[in-house]
Amino acid sequence: VLTLRPCQITTKDILEMIKKKEEFVILDIRTPAETKLIAPVWKGSLIIPMHELFKPENLAKLPKDKKIAVLCHTGDRAAAATIALRAVGFTNAFQFRGGIAELAREIGRTATEYIKE
């Protein structure tokens, strides 16, 4: 169902947003064990495990005024979290398609085309 809706975001989309200096938040919903090994360091990234995401204090951390790219390992948990976030009013939430695994593959191939320091 999610693939039929425009609520997914890809690594290429993220890289284009960086290039255009668009503000967004990466929301990593993986477990603490997963994020200990590898986690996004993009400015404003949030790390909130999926099982804690819907606590009022954590929902309060999410912006309403910029895109939220929901990230997990492969995209499956992010799909569920995105649907739930949209159901409670976060229409700016998008599933990060392919998860951190796809992000790592794509960044390795194309990052230098988008990000020049």
Protein backbone atom coordinates (compact mmCIF):
# COMPACT_ATOMS: atom_id res chain seq x y z
CA VAL A 1 0.00 0.00 0.00
CA LEU A 2 2.79 2.44 0.90
CA THR A 3 4.43 2.05 -2.50
CA LEU A 4 1.24 3.35 -4.11
CA ARG A 5 1.35 6.56 -2.09
CA PRO A 6 3.73 9.49 -2.35
CA CYS A 7 5.04 9.02 1.17
CA GLN A 8 8.43 7.52 0.41
CA ILE A 9 11.77 9.24 0.10
CA THR A 10 14.91 7.80 -1.49
CA THR A 11 18.60 8.42 -0.95
CA LYS A 12 18.63 10.33 -4.24
CA ASP A 13 15.80 12.53 -2.91
CA ILE A 14 17.81 13.19 0.26
CA LEU A 15 20.91 14.08 -1.74
CA GLU A 16 18.86 16.48 -3.88
CA MET A 17 17.43 18.08 -0.73
CA ILE A 18 20.99 18.55 0.58
CA LYS A 19 22.05 20.09 -2.72
CA LYS A 20 19.09 22.52 -2.58
CA LYS A 21 19.82 23.25 1.12
CA GLU A 22 16.31 22.11 2.02
CA GLU A 23 15.85 21.50 5.73
CA PHE A 24 14.77 18.02 6.81
CA VAL A 25 15.13 15.63 9.72
CA ILE A 26 16.31 12.03 9.61
CA LEU A 27 14.41 10.03 12.22
CA ASP A 28 16.25 6.80 12.99
CA ILE A 29 13.83 4.33 14.63
CA ARG A 30 16.24 1.40 14.95
CA THR A 31 17.07 -0.22 18.28
CA PRO A 32 19.84 1.13 20.53
CA ALA A 33 21.95 -1.94 19.65
CA GLU A 34 21.68 -1.08 15.94
CA THR A 35 22.42 2.62 16.36
CA LYS A 36 25.48 1.90 18.52
CA LEU A 37 27.18 0.45 15.46
CA ILE A 38 26.10 2.99 12.87
CA ALA A 39 23.87 6.05 13.08
CA PRO A 40 23.18 9.14 10.97
CA VAL A 41 25.15 12.22 11.91
CA TRP A 42 23.22 14.62 9.68
CA LYS A 43 22.43 17.83 11.54
CA GLY A 44 19.17 17.60 13.39
CA SER A 45 18.95 13.80 13.14
CA LEU A 46 16.80 12.19 15.79
CA ILE A 47 17.34 8.71 17.16
CA ILE A 48 14.15 7.41 18.77
CA PRO A 49 13.62 3.62 18.83
CA MET A 50 10.33 2.56 17.24
CA HIS A 51 9.01 1.10 20.51
CA GLU A 52 9.40 4.55 22.14
CA LEU A 53 8.35 6.72 19.19
CA PHE A 54 4.73 7.28 20.18
CA LYS A 55 5.41 8.43 23.73
CA PRO A 56 4.13 12.03 24.00
CA GLU A 57 7.57 13.39 24.90
CA ASN A 58 9.09 11.83 21.77
CA LEU A 59 6.31 12.93 19.42
CA ALA A 60 6.90 16.44 20.77
CA LYS A 61 10.47 16.31 19.41
CA LEU A 62 9.26 15.84 15.81
CA PRO A 63 9.01 18.91 13.60
CA LYS A 64 5.79 19.76 11.78
CA ASP A 65 7.45 22.31 9.45
CA LYS A 66 10.00 20.15 7.58
CA LYS A 67 10.18 16.70 6.05
CA ILE A 68 10.86 13.78 8.36
CA ALA A 69 12.69 10.89 6.68
CA VAL A 70 11.93 7.82 8.83
CA LEU A 71 14.90 5.45 8.73
CA CYS A 72 15.41 1.85 9.82
CA HIS A 73 17.67 -0.94 8.54
CA THR A 74 15.80 -1.96 5.36
CA GLY A 75 12.72 0.27 5.31
CA ASP A 76 10.13 -2.17 6.65
CA ARG A 77 9.84 -0.73 10.17
CA ALA A 78 10.01 2.77 8.68
CA ALA A 79 6.99 1.96 6.49
CA ALA A 80 4.91 0.99 9.54
CA ALA A 81 6.10 3.99 11.56
CA THR A 82 5.42 6.39 8.66
CA ILE A 83 1.85 5.14 8.27
CA ALA A 84 1.29 5.53 12.03
CA LEU A 85 2.90 8.99 12.16
CA ARG A 86 0.74 10.17 9.26
CA ALA A 87 -2.33 8.78 11.04
CA VAL A 88 -1.60 10.99 14.05
CA GLY A 89 -1.05 14.14 11.98
CA PHE A 90 2.56 14.06 10.79
CA THR A 91 1.80 14.38 7.07
CA ASN A 92 5.43 15.48 6.65
CA ALA A 93 6.68 11.94 7.51
CA PHE A 94 8.19 9.85 4.71
CA GLN A 95 9.49 6.28 4.69
CA PHE A 96 13.20 6.27 3.86
CA ARG A 97 12.97 3.57 1.19
CA GLY A 98 15.64 0.89 1.47
CA GLY A 99 16.75 2.01 4.90
CA ILE A 100 20.28 2.57 6.09
CA ALA A 101 21.47 -0.36 3.95
CA GLU A 102 20.41 1.43 0.75
CA LEU A 103 21.65 4.76 2.07
CA ALA A 104 25.15 3.34 2.55
CA ARG A 105 25.20 1.78 -0.93
CA GLU A 106 23.94 4.87 -2.72
CA ILE A 107 26.04 7.36 -0.75
CA GLY A 108 29.16 5.40 -1.61
CA ARG A 109 28.33 5.71 -5.30
CA THR A 110 27.03 9.23 -5.66
CA ALA A 111 27.67 11.48 -2.66
CA THR A 112 30.51 13.40 -4.24
CA GLU A 113 28.20 14.49 -7.07
CA TYR A 114 25.93 16.23 -4.57
CA ILE A 115 28.01 17.33 -1.64
CA LYS A 116 31.00 19.53 -2.25
CA GLU A 117 32.71 21.14 0.70
